[in-house]
């Protein structure tokens, strides 16, 4: 999980001018089926769809924030709702997302926006000696309506790209194909993609560079005593106090007890499928 700490996405397409007296400039890369599109801060702010919105409960800043934004749908022309996208940040955070919610344009329900940091009006830092959430930050209005999780609020975004599904890209992460589609293990796999994959790899597969692999050399379901893995996920500092730790506490309001059990069930299953990565 990353939205509570100063994290976010992978191959850096962010360019900053260090020349004295030159304001920082940034560039967002959007990779779609029709090619690679690049947008500078100035180009995005000049779009006719640019507007100002208020986010009452910002995930990263933990308070109300006002941003200059453009609808994500404007940047994703030609993408179909059933397709899959990945938002990549400068620190290795890689958020996997279904395209559907990002394309929504209705005034009711969840809606995705690209918040753009104006170099002349920088946003606050996320904490002492930390960066801001800029230069690009994916924010949502009415997130609860679409069950949008904190991992779907990537900040310091550098790239958005159209990709095949996780199961297609990383077969070694898939549960036993003999299992039914609605098997609890497959349900756990779906939740893992949304809630864990932005920070962790599994069986050596995945695009994130933040957290440790959750199956190599061992699964946490193997080295945590019964009950302690749940406690660790809910509050890592309750088991192992470490000021440099990046993993945040994940409350039930973000990941329900039922969903947490499904994720752990998936991890237990994959501990028996470590050989699929060989």
Protein backbone atom coordinates (compact mmCIF):
# COMPACT_ATOMS: atom_id res chain seq x y z
CA UNK A 1 0.00 0.00 0.00
CA UNK A 2 1.33 3.33 -0.81
CA UNK A 3 -1.07 6.21 -0.48
CA UNK A 4 -0.12 6.92 3.15
CA UNK A 5 3.60 7.37 2.51
CA UNK A 6 5.77 9.31 0.13
CA UNK A 7 5.79 6.63 -2.59
CA UNK A 8 4.80 6.19 -6.35
CA UNK A 9 5.41 4.83 -9.92
CA UNK A 10 8.53 3.36 -12.10
CA UNK A 11 10.15 4.44 -15.35
CA UNK A 12 10.64 8.14 -14.87
CA UNK A 13 9.34 10.30 -17.68
CA UNK A 14 9.55 13.32 -15.41
CA UNK A 15 12.07 15.94 -16.54
CA UNK A 16 13.20 18.72 -14.27
CA UNK A 17 15.36 21.63 -15.32
CA UNK A 18 18.06 22.37 -12.81
CA UNK A 19 19.42 25.45 -14.52
CA UNK A 20 19.54 28.44 -12.22
CA UNK A 21 16.60 30.74 -12.69
CA UNK A 22 14.66 28.23 -14.81
CA UNK A 23 11.36 27.00 -13.39
CA UNK A 24 10.94 23.22 -13.17
CA UNK A 25 9.18 21.65 -16.11
CA UNK A 26 7.54 18.25 -16.19
CA UNK A 27 6.34 15.81 -18.79
CA UNK A 28 3.76 13.04 -18.58
CA UNK A 29 4.01 10.09 -20.97
CA UNK A 30 0.82 8.31 -22.07
CA UNK A 31 1.35 5.08 -24.01
CA UNK A 32 -1.73 3.96 -25.93
CA UNK A 33 -2.50 1.67 -28.85
CA UNK A 34 -2.05 4.51 -31.34
CA UNK A 35 1.37 5.50 -30.03
CA UNK A 36 3.16 7.44 -27.33
CA UNK A 37 1.76 10.82 -26.34
CA UNK A 38 3.68 13.33 -24.25
CA UNK A 39 2.15 16.19 -22.33
CA UNK A 40 4.02 19.01 -20.66
CA UNK A 41 2.67 20.81 -17.63
CA UNK A 42 1.95 23.89 -19.74
CA UNK A 43 0.10 21.89 -22.41
CA UNK A 44 -2.10 20.20 -19.83
CA UNK A 45 -2.95 23.42 -18.03
CA UNK A 46 -3.85 25.00 -21.39
CA UNK A 47 -6.37 22.31 -22.37
CA UNK A 48 -9.92 23.65 -22.73
CA UNK A 49 -11.14 20.92 -20.36
CA UNK A 50 -8.88 22.15 -17.55
CA UNK A 51 -10.81 23.19 -14.47
CA UNK A 52 -10.49 23.64 -10.72
CA UNK A 53 -11.95 21.06 -8.35
CA UNK A 54 -11.93 20.49 -4.61
CA UNK A 55 -11.15 17.08 -3.12
CA UNK A 56 -12.75 16.99 0.36
CA UNK A 57 -10.68 14.05 1.66
CA UNK A 58 -7.41 13.82 -0.24
CA UNK A 59 -5.76 10.41 0.28
CA UNK A 60 -2.17 11.67 0.28
CA UNK A 61 -2.56 14.98 2.11
CA UNK A 62 -5.20 13.73 4.57
CA UNK A 63 -7.20 16.95 4.22
CA UNK A 64 -9.19 18.95 1.72
CA UNK A 65 -7.22 20.05 -1.32
CA UNK A 66 -7.96 22.16 -4.38
CA UNK A 67 -6.37 21.27 -7.71
CA UNK A 68 -6.22 22.39 -11.31
CA UNK A 69 -7.20 19.24 -13.24
CA UNK A 70 -8.19 17.69 -16.53
CA UNK A 71 -10.45 14.62 -16.79
CA UNK A 72 -8.43 11.44 -17.27
CA UNK A 73 -10.83 10.47 -20.05
CA UNK A 74 -9.43 13.36 -22.13
CA UNK A 75 -5.98 11.77 -22.08
CA UNK A 76 -7.23 8.24 -22.78
CA UNK A 77 -9.02 8.66 -26.09
CA UNK A 78 -9.40 5.38 -27.94
CA UNK A 79 -9.17 3.26 -24.78
CA UNK A 80 -12.05 0.87 -24.11
CA UNK A 81 -13.56 0.38 -20.62
CA UNK A 82 -12.65 -3.32 -20.56
CA UNK A 83 -8.97 -2.63 -21.19
CA UNK A 84 -6.22 -2.40 -18.59
CA UNK A 85 -3.98 0.52 -17.64
CA UNK A 86 -1.00 1.06 -15.39
CA UNK A 87 0.03 4.31 -13.74
CA UNK A 88 3.73 4.49 -12.97
CA UNK A 89 5.40 6.85 -10.53
CA UNK A 90 8.94 8.11 -10.16
CA UNK A 91 9.73 5.95 -7.12
CA UNK A 92 8.71 2.58 -8.58
CA UNK A 93 5.07 2.52 -7.51
CA UNK A 94 3.00 0.95 -10.30
CA UNK A 95 -0.79 1.02 -9.91
CA UNK A 96 -2.77 -1.53 -11.92
CA UNK A 97 -6.23 -0.28 -12.90
CA UNK A 98 -9.16 -1.25 -15.04
CA UNK A 99 -9.78 1.41 -17.67
CA UNK A 100 -13.51 1.64 -17.01
CA UNK A 101 -13.45 3.85 -13.90
CA UNK A 102 -10.80 6.11 -15.44
CA UNK A 103 -13.02 6.77 -18.46
CA UNK A 104 -16.18 7.65 -16.55
CA UNK A 105 -17.55 11.11 -17.33
CA UNK A 106 -20.86 11.11 -15.46
CA UNK A 107 -21.40 13.82 -12.87
CA UNK A 108 -22.63 11.21 -10.42
CA UNK A 109 -20.36 8.40 -9.30
CA UNK A 110 -16.57 8.22 -9.10
CA UNK A 111 -14.60 10.24 -11.61
CA UNK A 112 -10.85 10.31 -12.26
CA UNK A 113 -8.87 13.53 -12.75
CA UNK A 114 -5.26 14.31 -13.46
CA UNK A 115 -4.19 16.99 -10.99
CA UNK A 116 -1.44 19.22 -12.43
CA UNK A 117 1.00 21.07 -10.23
CA UNK A 118 1.67 24.59 -11.49
CA UNK A 119 5.42 25.26 -10.98
CA UNK A 120 4.58 28.82 -9.98
CA UNK A 121 2.18 27.57 -7.30
CA UNK A 122 3.71 24.38 -5.88
CA UNK A 123 1.65 22.10 -3.68
CA UNK A 124 2.61 21.43 -0.04
CA UNK A 125 5.19 18.76 0.73
CA UNK A 126 3.77 15.43 1.82
CA UNK A 127 5.81 15.57 5.00
CA UNK A 128 9.03 16.90 6.43
CA UNK A 129 11.82 16.58 3.86
CA UNK A 130 9.44 14.87 1.43
CA UNK A 131 8.29 15.75 -2.07
CA UNK A 132 4.95 17.17 -3.07
CA UNK A 133 2.36 14.95 -4.73
CA UNK A 134 3.24 16.56 -8.05
CA UNK A 135 3.92 17.21 -10.74
CA UNK A 136 1.04 14.88 -11.71
CA UNK A 137 -1.37 13.16 -9.35
CA UNK A 138 -4.39 10.96 -10.07
CA UNK A 139 -7.27 12.11 -7.86
CA UNK A 140 -10.93 11.12 -7.63
CA UNK A 141 -14.23 12.80 -6.91
CA UNK A 142 -16.77 10.63 -5.07
CA UNK A 143 -14.27 7.74 -4.72
CA UNK A 144 -16.49 5.74 -2.36
CA UNK A 145 -19.13 5.40 -5.07
CA UNK A 146 -16.70 3.36 -7.16
CA UNK A 147 -14.90 1.57 -4.31
CA UNK A 148 -11.70 3.37 -5.26
CA UNK A 149 -8.80 2.26 -3.05
CA UNK A 150 -5.81 4.39 -1.92
CA UNK A 151 -3.57 2.54 -4.41
CA UNK A 152 -5.63 4.09 -7.18
CA UNK A 153 -4.45 7.59 -6.17
CA UNK A 154 -0.88 7.48 -7.53
CA UNK A 155 1.06 10.70 -7.07
CA UNK A 156 4.34 11.81 -8.66
CA UNK A 157 3.05 10.14 -11.79
CA UNK A 158 5.43 9.89 -14.69
CA UNK A 159 3.68 7.52 -17.06
CA UNK A 160 0.31 5.96 -17.92
CA UNK A 161 0.33 2.99 -20.22
CA UNK A 162 -2.12 0.61 -21.86
CA UNK A 163 -1.16 -2.99 -21.09
CA UNK A 164 -2.49 -6.51 -21.22
CA UNK A 165 -4.11 -7.81 -18.04
CA UNK A 166 -1.94 -8.86 -15.09
CA UNK A 167 -2.76 -12.53 -15.65
CA UNK A 168 -1.64 -12.28 -19.28
CA UNK A 169 1.57 -10.38 -18.52
CA UNK A 170 2.59 -12.44 -15.49
CA UNK A 171 1.40 -16.07 -15.80
CA UNK A 172 3.51 -17.09 -12.77
CA UNK A 173 1.21 -15.02 -10.55
CA UNK A 174 -1.92 -16.91 -11.62
CA UNK A 175 -3.53 -19.47 -9.32
CA UNK A 176 -3.99 -23.07 -10.39
CA UNK A 177 -5.97 -22.92 -13.68
CA UNK A 178 -8.07 -25.86 -12.49
CA UNK A 179 -9.78 -23.59 -9.95
CA UNK A 180 -13.19 -22.14 -10.79
CA UNK A 181 -13.33 -18.48 -11.74
CA UNK A 182 -15.27 -17.68 -8.56
CA UNK A 183 -13.02 -19.74 -6.29
CA UNK A 184 -11.92 -17.76 -3.20
CA UNK A 185 -8.29 -18.03 -4.35
CA UNK A 186 -9.12 -16.29 -7.63
CA UNK A 187 -11.08 -13.69 -5.68
CA UNK A 188 -7.98 -13.14 -3.56
CA UNK A 189 -5.87 -12.79 -6.69
CA UNK A 190 -8.16 -10.00 -7.93
CA UNK A 191 -7.88 -8.16 -4.62
CA UNK A 192 -4.10 -8.69 -4.58
CA UNK A 193 -3.82 -6.96 -7.96
CA UNK A 194 -5.71 -3.94 -6.69
CA UNK A 195 -4.36 -3.66 -3.16
CA UNK A 196 -0.88 -5.22 -3.05
CA UNK A 197 0.67 -5.32 -6.50
CA UNK A 198 1.39 -1.59 -6.62
CA UNK A 199 4.21 -2.18 -4.13
CA UNK A 200 5.04 -5.91 -4.27
CA UNK A 201 6.22 -8.51 -6.74
CA UNK A 202 5.32 -12.20 -6.53
CA UNK A 203 7.29 -15.14 -7.96
CA UNK A 204 9.65 -12.50 -9.33
CA UNK A 205 6.87 -11.01 -11.44
CA UNK A 206 5.44 -7.51 -11.39
CA UNK A 207 6.48 -3.98 -12.26
CA UNK A 208 6.70 -2.33 -8.84
CA UNK A 209 10.10 -1.61 -7.34
CA UNK A 210 9.00 -0.70 -3.81
CA UNK A 211 8.28 -3.68 -1.60
CA UNK A 212 9.72 -7.21 -1.28
CA UNK A 213 8.62 -10.22 -3.26
CA UNK A 214 5.76 -12.00 -1.45
CA UNK A 215 6.68 -15.54 -2.51
CA UNK A 216 10.46 -15.59 -2.98
CA UNK A 217 12.34 -16.93 -1.22
CA UNK A 218 9.39 -17.52 1.13
CA UNK A 219 5.79 -16.43 1.50
CA UNK A 220 4.88 -14.33 4.56
CA UNK A 221 2.24 -17.01 5.22
CA UNK A 222 5.18 -19.35 5.95
CA UNK A 223 7.28 -17.20 8.26
CA UNK A 224 4.56 -15.38 10.22
CA UNK A 225 2.99 -17.35 13.08
CA UNK A 226 -0.78 -17.80 12.99
CA UNK A 227 -2.57 -14.48 13.34
CA UNK A 228 0.56 -12.34 13.16
CA UNK A 229 0.43 -11.76 9.44
CA UNK A 230 -2.98 -10.13 9.80
CA UNK A 231 -1.67 -8.03 12.69
CA UNK A 232 1.33 -6.97 10.62
CA UNK A 233 -0.82 -5.90 7.68
CA UNK A 234 -3.18 -3.97 9.92
CA UNK A 235 -0.31 -2.19 11.73
CA UNK A 236 3.29 -3.12 10.82
CA UNK A 237 4.71 -1.07 13.69
CA UNK A 238 2.75 -3.16 16.22
CA UNK A 239 5.00 -6.12 15.43
CA UNK A 240 8.23 -4.55 14.30
CA UNK A 241 8.97 -0.95 15.12
CA UNK A 242 11.19 0.55 12.45
CA UNK A 243 11.25 4.25 11.67
CA UNK A 244 12.49 3.61 8.11
CA UNK A 245 9.66 1.20 7.26
CA UNK A 246 7.53 2.25 4.32
CA UNK A 247 4.60 -0.12 4.64
CA UNK A 248 1.64 1.73 6.12
CA UNK A 249 -1.07 0.40 8.36
CA UNK A 250 -3.97 -0.93 6.31
CA UNK A 251 -7.22 -0.53 8.25
CA UNK A 252 -10.43 -2.45 7.68
CA UNK A 253 -11.93 0.67 6.11
CA UNK A 254 -9.45 0.20 3.24
CA UNK A 255 -9.24 -3.61 3.14
CA UNK A 256 -12.10 -5.42 4.87
CA UNK A 257 -11.48 -8.46 7.07
CA UNK A 258 -13.14 -10.62 4.44
CA UNK A 259 -10.96 -9.26 1.65
CA UNK A 260 -7.86 -9.60 3.81
CA UNK A 261 -8.69 -13.28 4.38
CA UNK A 262 -9.05 -13.75 0.62
CA UNK A 263 -5.65 -12.15 -0.07
CA UNK A 264 -3.99 -14.35 2.56
CA UNK A 265 -5.72 -17.38 1.03
CA UNK A 266 -4.23 -16.44 -2.34
CA UNK A 267 -0.76 -16.07 -0.80
CA UNK A 268 -1.06 -19.47 0.91
CA UNK A 269 -2.07 -21.01 -2.40
CA UNK A 270 0.83 -19.40 -4.24
CA UNK A 271 3.29 -20.64 -1.61
CA UNK A 272 2.56 -24.07 -3.09
CA UNK A 273 3.10 -22.79 -6.62
CA UNK A 274 6.56 -21.33 -6.25
CA UNK A 275 7.83 -23.85 -8.78
CA UNK A 276 5.75 -22.24 -11.56
CA UNK A 277 8.30 -19.41 -11.62
CA UNK A 278 11.20 -21.75 -12.35
